Amino acid sequence: MQVGDAELVASLKKREAGAVGIMLEQYSDRLYNYLYYHSGDHHLAEDIVSDTFMRVIEKIDSFELREVPFKAWLFRIAHNLLVDNFRRKNRFKQVSLQDVDWDTDPAVSGGSDWGAADGGDLAEQLGQREDLTTAIARLPEEQRHIFILRFIEGFELEAVARMLDKSVSAVKSLQFRAVQNLRRHLSENAEYGRAG
């Protein structure tokens, strides 16, 4: 059962039975997808979805629907929690591929029999999805953020602009650059796959 944001917010503020369940039903998958595409980490995405809903329950009394749409407020909370997590854990440490010992490092050698089984169509579909996820992860942060909100979560331009406190033209520009960069990354992956 789909409930409008105004009715959902009113129910949450009144602490009505079932309001949290409705919020979870309507938004948990969308938040998870958004967070997963940003982090690439299944467990982190689940944890932040949970933390987001807890924060909403704690702060719902201070939320005013007229200032920001509920959906935008929810995604902003999730984004801020994700950014806080990255800052706290300093997740963006880079390791040079030259520093990896490809012969003895257990993370890249050993019991793995890469590519031994032919997975057919399933492997190809998973590979394409992995290529897309990798390409999205390679986008600059603002472009990635807008791409996920627009094309994975399906928000309208105006809603994304409000969420990110940007003009519609700035969102359009970043969206255009994100799509161009994704095309470039995906074609590079395709060319690399053919060459390999």
N, C-alpha and C. Protein backbone atom coordinates (compact mmCIF):
# COMPACT_ATOMS: atom_id res chain seq x y z
N MET A 1 0.84 -1.19 0.00
CA MET A 1 0.00 0.00 0.00
C MET A 1 0.88 1.24 0.00
N GLN A 2 0.74 2.06 -1.05
CA GLN A 2 1.51 3.29 -1.19
C GLN A 2 0.82 4.41 -0.42
N VAL A 3 1.59 5.08 0.44
CA VAL A 3 1.06 6.18 1.24
C VAL A 3 1.82 7.44 0.84
N GLY A 4 1.10 8.54 0.69
CA GLY A 4 1.74 9.81 0.35
C GLY A 4 2.64 10.29 1.49
N ASP A 5 3.63 11.12 1.12
CA ASP A 5 4.59 11.59 2.12
C ASP A 5 3.94 12.39 3.24
N ALA A 6 2.96 13.23 2.90
CA ALA A 6 2.32 14.05 3.94
C ALA A 6 1.63 13.15 4.96
N GLU A 7 0.92 12.13 4.48
CA GLU A 7 0.22 11.21 5.39
C GLU A 7 1.23 10.39 6.20
N LEU A 8 2.32 9.96 5.54
CA LEU A 8 3.34 9.18 6.23
C LEU A 8 4.01 10.00 7.33
N VAL A 9 4.37 11.24 7.03
CA VAL A 9 5.00 12.10 8.03
C VAL A 9 4.06 12.32 9.21
N ALA A 10 2.79 12.59 8.92
CA ALA A 10 1.81 12.80 10.00
C ALA A 10 1.71 11.55 10.87
N SER A 11 1.67 10.37 10.25
CA SER A 11 1.58 9.11 11.00
C SER A 11 2.83 8.88 11.85
N LEU A 12 3.99 9.19 11.27
CA LEU A 12 5.25 9.03 12.03
C LEU A 12 5.28 9.97 13.22
N LYS A 13 4.83 11.20 13.03
CA LYS A 13 4.84 12.17 14.12
C LYS A 13 3.87 11.77 15.23
N LYS A 14 2.77 11.10 14.86
CA LYS A 14 1.79 10.65 15.86
C LYS A 14 2.19 9.32 16.49
N ARG A 15 3.29 8.74 15.99
CA ARG A 15 3.77 7.43 16.47
C ARG A 15 2.72 6.34 16.27
N GLU A 16 2.01 6.42 15.14
CA GLU A 16 0.97 5.44 14.85
C GLU A 16 1.58 4.08 14.53
N ALA A 17 0.89 3.04 14.98
CA ALA A 17 1.33 1.68 14.70
C ALA A 17 1.35 1.48 13.19
N GLY A 18 2.40 0.90 12.70
CA GLY A 18 2.51 0.60 11.28
C GLY A 18 3.17 1.67 10.44
N ALA A 19 3.33 2.88 10.98
CA ALA A 19 3.92 3.97 10.19
C ALA A 19 5.37 3.66 9.81
N VAL A 20 6.13 3.12 10.76
CA VAL A 20 7.52 2.78 10.48
C VAL A 20 7.57 1.67 9.43
N GLY A 21 6.68 0.70 9.54
CA GLY A 21 6.63 -0.38 8.56
C GLY A 21 6.35 0.13 7.15
N ILE A 22 5.45 1.09 7.04
CA ILE A 22 5.13 1.68 5.74
C ILE A 22 6.35 2.42 5.20
N MET A 23 7.04 3.17 6.06
CA MET A 23 8.24 3.88 5.64
C MET A 23 9.28 2.88 5.13
N LEU A 24 9.47 1.79 5.86
CA LEU A 24 10.44 0.77 5.45
C LEU A 24 10.05 0.16 4.10
N GLU A 25 8.78 -0.15 3.95
CA GLU A 25 8.30 -0.77 2.71
C GLU A 25 8.50 0.15 1.52
N GLN A 26 8.24 1.43 1.70
CA GLN A 26 8.31 2.37 0.59
C GLN A 26 9.73 2.82 0.26
N TYR A 27 10.62 2.82 1.24
CA TYR A 27 11.92 3.45 0.99
C TYR A 27 13.15 2.58 1.22
N SER A 28 13.03 1.43 1.86
CA SER A 28 14.25 0.69 2.20
C SER A 28 15.00 0.20 0.97
N ASP A 29 14.32 -0.33 -0.03
CA ASP A 29 15.01 -0.82 -1.23
C ASP A 29 15.68 0.32 -2.00
N ARG A 30 14.98 1.43 -2.10
CA ARG A 30 15.54 2.58 -2.84
C ARG A 30 16.77 3.13 -2.12
N LEU A 31 16.69 3.24 -0.80
CA LEU A 31 17.85 3.72 -0.04
C LEU A 31 19.01 2.74 -0.16
N TYR A 32 18.71 1.45 -0.05
CA TYR A 32 19.77 0.45 -0.16
C TYR A 32 20.48 0.56 -1.51
N ASN A 33 19.71 0.62 -2.60
CA ASN A 33 20.31 0.73 -3.93
C ASN A 33 21.19 1.97 -4.04
N TYR A 34 20.66 3.07 -3.55
CA TYR A 34 21.41 4.34 -3.59
C TYR A 34 22.74 4.19 -2.84
N LEU A 35 22.70 3.64 -1.65
CA LEU A 35 23.90 3.49 -0.82
C LEU A 35 24.85 2.45 -1.39
N TYR A 36 24.31 1.38 -1.93
CA TYR A 36 25.17 0.33 -2.49
C TYR A 36 25.92 0.86 -3.71
N TYR A 37 25.23 1.60 -4.58
CA TYR A 37 25.91 2.13 -5.75
C TYR A 37 26.97 3.16 -5.38
N HIS A 38 26.79 3.82 -4.25
CA HIS A 38 27.81 4.76 -3.79
C HIS A 38 28.99 4.07 -3.13
N SER A 39 28.73 3.01 -2.40
CA SER A 39 29.79 2.40 -1.60
C SER A 39 30.33 1.09 -2.17
N GLY A 40 29.50 0.36 -2.90
CA GLY A 40 29.90 -0.96 -3.38
C GLY A 40 29.99 -1.99 -2.27
N ASP A 41 29.46 -1.66 -1.11
CA ASP A 41 29.56 -2.52 0.07
C ASP A 41 28.16 -2.87 0.57
N HIS A 42 27.78 -4.13 0.39
CA HIS A 42 26.44 -4.60 0.77
C HIS A 42 26.15 -4.37 2.25
N HIS A 43 27.08 -4.75 3.11
CA HIS A 43 26.85 -4.64 4.56
C HIS A 43 26.78 -3.18 5.01
N LEU A 44 27.65 -2.36 4.46
CA LEU A 44 27.63 -0.94 4.80
C LEU A 44 26.31 -0.32 4.37
N ALA A 45 25.83 -0.65 3.17
CA ALA A 45 24.56 -0.11 2.68
C ALA A 45 23.42 -0.51 3.62
N GLU A 46 23.39 -1.77 4.04
CA GLU A 46 22.34 -2.22 4.97
C GLU A 46 22.43 -1.47 6.29
N ASP A 47 23.64 -1.32 6.83
CA ASP A 47 23.81 -0.63 8.10
C ASP A 47 23.34 0.82 8.02
N ILE A 48 23.67 1.49 6.92
CA ILE A 48 23.30 2.90 6.81
C ILE A 48 21.81 3.05 6.57
N VAL A 49 21.19 2.11 5.87
CA VAL A 49 19.72 2.15 5.73
C VAL A 49 19.09 2.10 7.12
N SER A 50 19.56 1.17 7.93
CA SER A 50 19.04 1.03 9.29
C SER A 50 19.28 2.31 10.10
N ASP A 51 20.50 2.85 10.02
CA ASP A 51 20.82 4.08 10.74
C ASP A 51 19.98 5.25 10.26
N THR A 52 19.71 5.30 8.96
CA THR A 52 18.89 6.37 8.40
C THR A 52 17.49 6.34 8.99
N PHE A 53 16.89 5.16 9.03
CA PHE A 53 15.54 5.06 9.57
C PHE A 53 15.51 5.40 11.06
N MET A 54 16.55 5.00 11.79
CA MET A 54 16.62 5.37 13.21
C MET A 54 16.71 6.89 13.36
N ARG A 55 17.52 7.52 12.52
CA ARG A 55 17.66 8.99 12.58
C ARG A 55 16.34 9.66 12.23
N VAL A 56 15.62 9.14 11.25
CA VAL A 56 14.32 9.71 10.88
C VAL A 56 13.36 9.63 12.06
N ILE A 57 13.30 8.48 12.71
CA ILE A 57 12.41 8.30 13.85
C ILE A 57 12.77 9.27 14.97
N GLU A 58 14.08 9.46 15.20
CA GLU A 58 14.53 10.38 16.26
C GLU A 58 14.21 11.84 15.92
N LYS A 59 14.32 12.22 14.65
CA LYS A 59 14.24 13.63 14.25
C LYS A 59 12.91 14.02 13.59
N ILE A 60 11.96 13.09 13.48
CA ILE A 60 10.74 13.36 12.72
C ILE A 60 9.96 14.55 13.27
N ASP A 61 10.01 14.78 14.58
CA ASP A 61 9.25 15.89 15.15
C ASP A 61 9.75 17.25 14.66
N SER A 62 11.03 17.34 14.30
CA SER A 62 11.59 18.61 13.84
C SER A 62 11.46 18.78 12.32
N PHE A 63 10.99 17.76 11.62
CA PHE A 63 10.87 17.84 10.16
C PHE A 63 9.63 18.61 9.76
N GLU A 64 9.80 19.55 8.82
CA GLU A 64 8.68 20.31 8.27
C GLU A 64 8.56 19.97 6.80
N LEU A 65 7.45 19.41 6.39
CA LEU A 65 7.24 18.94 5.03
C LEU A 65 7.34 20.07 4.01
N ARG A 66 7.00 21.27 4.36
CA ARG A 66 6.97 22.36 3.38
C ARG A 66 8.38 22.81 2.98
N GLU A 67 9.37 22.61 3.86
CA GLU A 67 10.73 23.06 3.55
C GLU A 67 11.42 22.16 2.54
N VAL A 68 11.39 20.88 2.75
CA VAL A 68 12.04 19.89 1.89
C VAL A 68 11.12 18.68 1.79
N PRO A 69 10.95 18.10 0.60
CA PRO A 69 10.14 16.87 0.52
C PRO A 69 10.72 15.78 1.43
N PHE A 70 9.84 14.96 1.99
CA PHE A 70 10.28 13.91 2.90
C PHE A 70 11.31 12.99 2.26
N LYS A 71 11.07 12.59 1.01
CA LYS A 71 11.97 11.70 0.29
C LYS A 71 13.36 12.33 0.18
N ALA A 72 13.41 13.62 -0.12
CA ALA A 72 14.70 14.32 -0.24
C ALA A 72 15.40 14.36 1.12
N TRP A 73 14.64 14.60 2.18
CA TRP A 73 15.21 14.64 3.54
C TRP A 73 15.78 13.28 3.90
N LEU A 74 15.06 12.22 3.58
CA LEU A 74 15.49 10.86 3.86
C LEU A 74 16.81 10.55 3.14
N PHE A 75 16.89 10.87 1.86
CA PHE A 75 18.10 10.60 1.09
C PHE A 75 19.27 11.48 1.54
N ARG A 76 18.97 12.70 1.97
CA ARG A 76 20.04 13.57 2.48
C ARG A 76 20.62 12.99 3.77
N ILE A 77 19.77 12.48 4.64
CA ILE A 77 20.25 11.85 5.88
C ILE A 77 21.15 10.66 5.53
N ALA A 78 20.69 9.81 4.60
CA ALA A 78 21.48 8.64 4.19
C ALA A 78 22.82 9.07 3.61
N HIS A 79 22.81 10.08 2.76
CA HIS A 79 24.06 10.55 2.15
C HIS A 79 25.02 11.08 3.21
N ASN A 80 24.50 11.86 4.15
CA ASN A 80 25.36 12.40 5.21
C ASN A 80 25.95 11.30 6.08
N LEU A 81 25.16 10.27 6.37
CA LEU A 81 25.68 9.14 7.16
C LEU A 81 26.77 8.40 6.38
N LEU A 82 26.59 8.26 5.08
CA LEU A 82 27.60 7.60 4.25
C LEU A 82 28.89 8.42 4.23
N VAL A 83 28.77 9.71 4.04
CA VAL A 83 29.96 10.58 4.04
C VAL A 83 30.66 10.51 5.39
N ASP A 84 29.90 10.56 6.47
CA ASP A 84 30.49 10.45 7.81
C ASP A 84 31.23 9.14 7.97
N ASN A 85 30.65 8.06 7.46
CA ASN A 85 31.29 6.76 7.55
C ASN A 85 32.61 6.74 6.79
N PHE A 86 32.62 7.29 5.58
CA PHE A 86 33.85 7.32 4.80
C PHE A 86 34.92 8.15 5.50
N ARG A 87 34.51 9.26 6.06
CA ARG A 87 35.49 10.09 6.78
C ARG A 87 36.05 9.35 7.99
N ARG A 88 35.17 8.71 8.74
CA ARG A 88 35.57 8.01 9.95
C ARG A 88 36.52 6.86 9.66
N LYS A 89 36.22 6.12 8.63
CA LYS A 89 37.02 4.93 8.34
C LYS A 89 38.11 5.17 7.32
N ASN A 90 38.17 6.38 6.79
CA ASN A 90 39.19 6.72 5.80
C ASN A 90 39.25 5.65 4.72
N ARG A 91 38.08 5.36 4.13
CA ARG A 91 37.94 4.25 3.20
C ARG A 91 38.64 4.47 1.86
N PHE A 92 39.03 5.66 1.55
CA PHE A 92 39.56 5.91 0.21
C PHE A 92 41.07 5.79 0.13
N LYS A 93 41.65 4.90 0.89
CA LYS A 93 43.08 4.65 0.77
C LYS A 93 43.30 3.91 -0.54
N GLN A 94 44.32 4.34 -1.28
CA GLN A 94 44.60 3.70 -2.55
C GLN A 94 45.85 2.87 -2.45
N VAL A 95 45.83 1.74 -3.12
CA VAL A 95 46.99 0.86 -3.15
C VAL A 95 47.41 0.74 -4.60
N SER A 96 48.67 0.96 -4.88
CA SER A 96 49.18 0.83 -6.23
C SER A 96 49.19 -0.64 -6.62
N LEU A 97 48.80 -0.92 -7.86
CA LEU A 97 48.83 -2.31 -8.33
C LEU A 97 50.26 -2.85 -8.38
N GLN A 98 51.23 -1.96 -8.47
CA GLN A 98 52.63 -2.39 -8.47
C GLN A 98 53.04 -2.93 -7.11
N ASP A 99 52.35 -2.49 -6.05
CA ASP A 99 52.70 -2.93 -4.70
C ASP A 99 52.13 -4.29 -4.33
N VAL A 100 51.23 -4.82 -5.17
CA VAL A 100 50.61 -6.11 -4.88
C VAL A 100 51.55 -7.23 -5.34
N ASP A 101 51.76 -8.21 -4.46
CA ASP A 101 52.55 -9.38 -4.82
C ASP A 101 51.60 -10.41 -5.40
N TRP A 102 51.53 -10.47 -6.72
CA TRP A 102 50.55 -11.30 -7.41
C TRP A 102 50.81 -12.79 -7.23
N ASP A 103 52.01 -13.17 -6.84
CA ASP A 103 52.33 -14.59 -6.69
C ASP A 103 52.06 -15.12 -5.30
N THR A 104 52.23 -14.30 -4.27
CA THR A 104 52.12 -14.83 -2.91
C THR A 104 51.02 -14.22 -2.08
N ASP A 105 50.43 -13.10 -2.50
CA ASP A 105 49.38 -12.46 -1.71
C ASP A 105 48.14 -13.37 -1.70
N PRO A 106 47.67 -13.80 -0.52
CA PRO A 106 46.53 -14.72 -0.46
C PRO A 106 45.25 -14.12 -1.02
N ALA A 107 45.18 -12.78 -1.09
CA ALA A 107 43.97 -12.16 -1.63
C ALA A 107 43.86 -12.34 -3.14
N VAL A 108 44.98 -12.59 -3.82
CA VAL A 108 44.94 -12.70 -5.27
C VAL A 108 45.45 -14.02 -5.81
N SER A 109 45.94 -14.88 -4.96
CA SER A 109 46.42 -16.17 -5.44
C SER A 109 45.85 -17.28 -4.57
N GLY A 110 46.27 -18.49 -4.80
CA GLY A 110 45.83 -19.58 -3.93
C GLY A 110 44.71 -20.37 -4.53
N GLY A 111 43.67 -20.62 -3.72
CA GLY A 111 42.63 -21.56 -4.08
C GLY A 111 41.69 -21.10 -5.17
N SER A 112 41.84 -19.89 -5.64
CA SER A 112 40.93 -19.39 -6.65
C SER A 112 41.21 -20.04 -8.00
N ASP A 113 40.15 -20.43 -8.70
CA ASP A 113 40.28 -21.00 -10.04
C ASP A 113 39.49 -20.09 -10.97
N TRP A 114 40.00 -18.88 -11.16
CA TRP A 114 39.29 -17.84 -11.88
C TRP A 114 38.91 -18.28 -13.29
N GLY A 115 37.65 -18.15 -13.61
CA GLY A 115 37.20 -18.38 -14.96
C GLY A 115 37.14 -19.84 -15.38
N ALA A 116 37.26 -20.77 -14.45
CA ALA A 116 37.29 -22.19 -14.82
C ALA A 116 35.93 -22.67 -15.30
N ALA A 117 34.87 -22.21 -14.70
CA ALA A 117 33.54 -22.68 -15.06
C ALA A 117 32.89 -21.71 -16.03
N ASP A 118 32.14 -22.26 -16.99
CA ASP A 118 31.43 -21.42 -17.94
C ASP A 118 30.05 -21.16 -17.38
N GLY A 119 29.80 -19.92 -16.99
CA GLY A 119 28.51 -19.57 -16.40
C GLY A 119 27.50 -19.11 -17.42
N GLY A 120 27.87 -19.08 -18.69
CA GLY A 120 26.95 -18.71 -19.76
C GLY A 120 26.36 -17.33 -19.60
N ASP A 121 25.07 -17.23 -19.86
CA ASP A 121 24.38 -15.94 -19.84
C ASP A 121 24.46 -15.28 -18.47
N LEU A 122 24.34 -16.06 -17.41
CA LEU A 122 24.37 -15.50 -16.06
C LEU A 122 25.67 -14.77 -15.81
N ALA A 123 26.79 -15.38 -16.18
CA ALA A 123 28.09 -14.75 -15.98
C ALA A 123 28.19 -13.47 -16.79
N GLU A 124 27.65 -13.49 -18.00
CA GLU A 124 27.71 -12.30 -18.85
C GLU A 124 26.87 -11.17 -18.24
N GLN A 125 25.66 -11.51 -17.75
CA GLN A 125 24.81 -10.50 -17.12
C GLN A 125 25.46 -9.93 -15.87
N LEU A 126 26.04 -10.81 -15.06
CA LEU A 126 26.72 -10.34 -13.85
C LEU A 126 27.91 -9.48 -14.22
N GLY A 127 28.62 -9.85 -15.26
CA GLY A 127 29.77 -9.07 -15.71
C GLY A 127 29.36 -7.69 -16.17
N GLN A 128 28.24 -7.62 -16.92
CA GLN A 128 27.77 -6.32 -17.38
C GLN A 128 27.34 -5.45 -16.20
N ARG A 129 26.67 -6.06 -15.22
CA ARG A 129 26.26 -5.30 -14.04
C ARG A 129 27.48 -4.84 -13.26
N GLU A 130 28.48 -5.72 -13.15
CA GLU A 130 29.70 -5.34 -12.45
C GLU A 130 30.43 -4.22 -13.19
N ASP A 131 30.45 -4.28 -14.53
CA ASP A 131 31.07 -3.21 -15.32
C ASP A 131 30.37 -1.89 -15.06
N LEU A 132 29.03 -1.91 -15.01
CA LEU A 132 28.27 -0.69 -14.77
C LEU A 132 28.55 -0.17 -13.36
N THR A 133 28.54 -1.05 -12.37
CA THR A 133 28.82 -0.64 -10.99
C THR A 133 30.22 -0.03 -10.89
N THR A 134 31.18 -0.66 -11.55
CA THR A 134 32.56 -0.15 -11.53
C THR A 134 32.63 1.21 -12.22
N ALA A 135 31.95 1.34 -13.36
CA ALA A 135 31.96 2.61 -14.08
C ALA A 135 31.30 3.71 -13.25
N ILE A 136 30.20 3.40 -12.57
CA ILE A 136 29.55 4.39 -11.71
C ILE A 136 30.49 4.80 -10.58
N ALA A 137 31.19 3.84 -10.00
CA ALA A 137 32.11 4.13 -8.90
C ALA A 137 33.26 5.02 -9.35
N ARG A 138 33.61 4.98 -10.64
CA ARG A 138 34.71 5.79 -11.15
C ARG A 138 34.32 7.25 -11.41
N LEU A 139 33.01 7.53 -11.39
CA LEU A 139 32.57 8.91 -11.63
C LEU A 139 33.00 9.81 -10.48
N PRO A 140 33.27 11.09 -10.77
CA PRO A 140 33.50 12.04 -9.67
C PRO A 140 32.27 12.06 -8.76
N GLU A 141 32.48 12.37 -7.49
CA GLU A 141 31.43 12.22 -6.48
C GLU A 141 30.13 12.92 -6.85
N GLU A 142 30.19 14.18 -7.27
CA GLU A 142 28.94 14.91 -7.59
C GLU A 142 28.21 14.26 -8.76
N GLN A 143 28.96 13.86 -9.78
CA GLN A 143 28.34 13.21 -10.93
C GLN A 143 27.72 11.87 -10.53
N ARG A 144 28.44 11.09 -9.72
CA ARG A 144 27.93 9.80 -9.26
C ARG A 144 26.63 10.00 -8.47
N HIS A 145 26.65 10.97 -7.58
CA HIS A 145 25.50 11.26 -6.73
C HIS A 145 24.28 11.58 -7.59
N ILE A 146 24.45 12.46 -8.57
CA ILE A 146 23.34 12.87 -9.43
C ILE A 146 22.89 11.72 -10.32
N PHE A 147 23.83 10.96 -10.87
CA PHE A 147 23.46 9.83 -11.72
C PHE A 147 22.60 8.83 -10.95
N ILE A 148 23.01 8.49 -9.74
CA ILE A 148 22.26 7.52 -8.94
C ILE A 148 20.87 8.05 -8.61
N LEU A 149 20.80 9.29 -8.18
CA LEU A 149 19.49 9.86 -7.84
C LEU A 149 18.57 9.93 -9.05
N ARG A 150 19.12 10.33 -10.21
CA ARG A 150 18.28 10.49 -11.40
C ARG A 150 17.91 9.17 -12.05
N PHE A 151 18.89 8.31 -12.30
CA PHE A 151 18.65 7.16 -13.17
C PHE A 151 18.47 5.84 -12.44
N ILE A 152 18.95 5.74 -11.22
CA ILE A 152 18.74 4.51 -10.46
C ILE A 152 17.54 4.68 -9.54
N GLU A 153 17.48 5.83 -8.88
CA GLU A 153 16.36 6.08 -7.97
C GLU A 153 15.18 6.77 -8.63
N GLY A 154 15.38 7.37 -9.80
CA GLY A 154 14.28 7.93 -10.57
C GLY A 154 13.74 9.27 -10.11
N PHE A 155 14.54 10.05 -9.39
CA PHE A 155 14.09 11.37 -8.96
C PHE A 155 14.06 12.32 -10.15
N GLU A 156 13.12 13.26 -10.14
CA GLU A 156 13.04 14.29 -11.17
C GLU A 156 14.17 15.31 -10.96
N LEU A 157 14.50 16.04 -12.03
CA LEU A 157 15.57 17.05 -11.96
C LEU A 157 15.36 18.04 -10.82
N GLU A 158 14.14 18.54 -10.70
CA GLU A 158 13.85 19.55 -9.68
C GLU A 158 14.06 18.98 -8.28
N ALA A 159 13.67 17.74 -8.06
CA ALA A 159 13.84 17.11 -6.74
C ALA A 159 15.32 16.95 -6.42
N VAL A 160 16.11 16.53 -7.41
CA VAL A 160 17.55 16.38 -7.19
C VAL A 160 18.18 17.74 -6.88
N ALA A 161 17.76 18.76 -7.61
CA ALA A 161 18.27 20.11 -7.37
C ALA A 161 17.97 20.56 -5.94
N ARG A 162 16.75 20.30 -5.47
CA ARG A 162 16.39 20.67 -4.09
C ARG A 162 17.21 19.88 -3.08
N MET A 163 17.35 18.57 -3.33
CA MET A 163 18.10 17.71 -2.41
C MET A 163 19.53 18.18 -2.24
N LEU A 164 20.14 18.57 -3.36
CA LEU A 164 21.56 18.91 -3.35
C LEU A 164 21.80 20.41 -3.23
N ASP A 165 20.71 21.17 -3.13
CA ASP A 165 20.80 22.62 -3.03
C ASP A 165 21.58 23.19 -4.20
N LYS A 166 21.19 22.77 -5.42
CA LYS A 166 21.81 23.24 -6.66
C LYS A 166 20.72 23.72 -7.60
N SER A 167 21.13 24.48 -8.61
CA SER A 167 20.16 24.90 -9.62
C SER A 167 19.88 23.72 -10.55
N VAL A 168 18.72 23.77 -11.21
CA VAL A 168 18.36 22.71 -12.16
C VAL A 168 19.40 22.65 -13.28
N SER A 169 19.87 23.81 -13.74
CA SER A 169 20.86 23.80 -14.83
C SER A 169 22.18 23.17 -14.37
N ALA A 170 22.57 23.37 -13.12
CA ALA A 170 23.79 22.73 -12.61
C ALA A 170 23.62 21.22 -12.55
N VAL A 171 22.43 20.76 -12.14
CA VAL A 171 22.16 19.32 -12.09
C VAL A 171 22.18 18.75 -13.50
N LYS A 172 21.57 19.46 -14.47
CA LYS A 172 21.58 19.00 -15.87
C LYS A 172 23.01 18.86 -16.39
N SER A 173 23.82 19.85 -16.09
CA SER A 173 25.20 19.84 -16.55
C SER A 173 25.97 18.66 -15.96
N LEU A 174 25.84 18.45 -14.65
CA LEU A 174 26.52 17.33 -14.00
C LEU A 174 25.98 15.99 -14.50
N GLN A 175 24.68 15.94 -14.76
CA GLN A 175 24.07 14.73 -15.28
C GLN A 175 24.65 14.42 -16.67
N PHE A 176 24.75 15.43 -17.52
CA PHE A 176 25.30 15.24 -18.86
C PHE A 176 26.74 14.72 -18.79
N ARG A 177 27.54 15.35 -17.93
CA ARG A 177 28.94 14.91 -17.79
C ARG A 177 29.02 13.49 -17.23
N ALA A 178 28.12 13.15 -16.31
CA ALA A 178 28.11 11.79 -15.74
C ALA A 178 27.83 10.76 -16.82
N VAL A 179 26.83 11.04 -17.67
CA VAL A 179 26.48 10.10 -18.74
C VAL A 179 27.63 9.97 -19.73
N GLN A 180 28.26 11.09 -20.08
CA GLN A 180 29.40 11.05 -21.00
C GLN A 180 30.55 10.23 -20.41
N ASN A 181 30.85 10.46 -19.14
CA ASN A 181 31.93 9.71 -18.49
C ASN A 181 31.60 8.22 -18.38
N LEU A 182 30.35 7.91 -18.08
CA LEU A 182 29.95 6.50 -18.01
C LEU A 182 30.12 5.81 -19.36
N ARG A 183 29.68 6.48 -20.41
CA ARG A 183 29.85 5.90 -21.75
C ARG A 183 31.32 5.63 -22.04
N ARG A 184 32.17 6.59 -21.69
CA ARG A 184 33.61 6.44 -21.92
C ARG A 184 34.16 5.27 -21.11
N HIS A 185 33.81 5.20 -19.82
CA HIS A 185 34.30 4.11 -18.97
C HIS A 185 33.83 2.75 -19.48
N LEU A 186 32.56 2.67 -19.87
CA LEU A 186 32.02 1.39 -20.35
C LEU A 186 32.65 0.98 -21.68
N SER A 187 32.90 1.96 -22.56
CA SER A 187 33.54 1.59 -23.83
C SER A 187 34.99 1.18 -23.60
N GLU A 188 35.67 1.82 -22.64
CA GLU A 188 37.03 1.41 -22.29
C GLU A 188 37.02 -0.03 -21.77
N ASN A 189 36.07 -0.35 -20.90
CA ASN A 189 35.96 -1.71 -20.38
C ASN A 189 35.69 -2.71 -21.49
N ALA A 190 34.82 -2.34 -22.44
CA ALA A 190 34.49 -3.24 -23.55
C ALA A 190 35.72 -3.48 -24.42
N GLU A 191 36.46 -2.41 -24.72
CA GLU A 191 37.67 -2.54 -25.54
C GLU A 191 38.72 -3.36 -24.81
N TYR A 192 38.85 -3.15 -23.51
CA TYR A 192 39.82 -3.92 -22.73
C TYR A 192 39.43 -5.39 -22.71
N GLY A 193 38.10 -5.66 -22.59
CA GLY A 193 37.63 -7.04 -22.59
C GLY A 193 37.90 -7.75 -23.90
N ARG A 194 37.75 -7.01 -25.02
CA ARG A 194 38.03 -7.62 -26.33
C ARG A 194 39.51 -7.85 -26.52
N ALA A 195 40.32 -6.93 -25.98
CA ALA A 195 41.78 -7.05 -26.15
C ALA A 195 42.34 -8.16 -25.27
N GLY A 196 41.64 -8.42 -24.11
CA GLY A 196 42.16 -9.40 -23.16
C GLY A 196 41.75 -10.74 -23.52
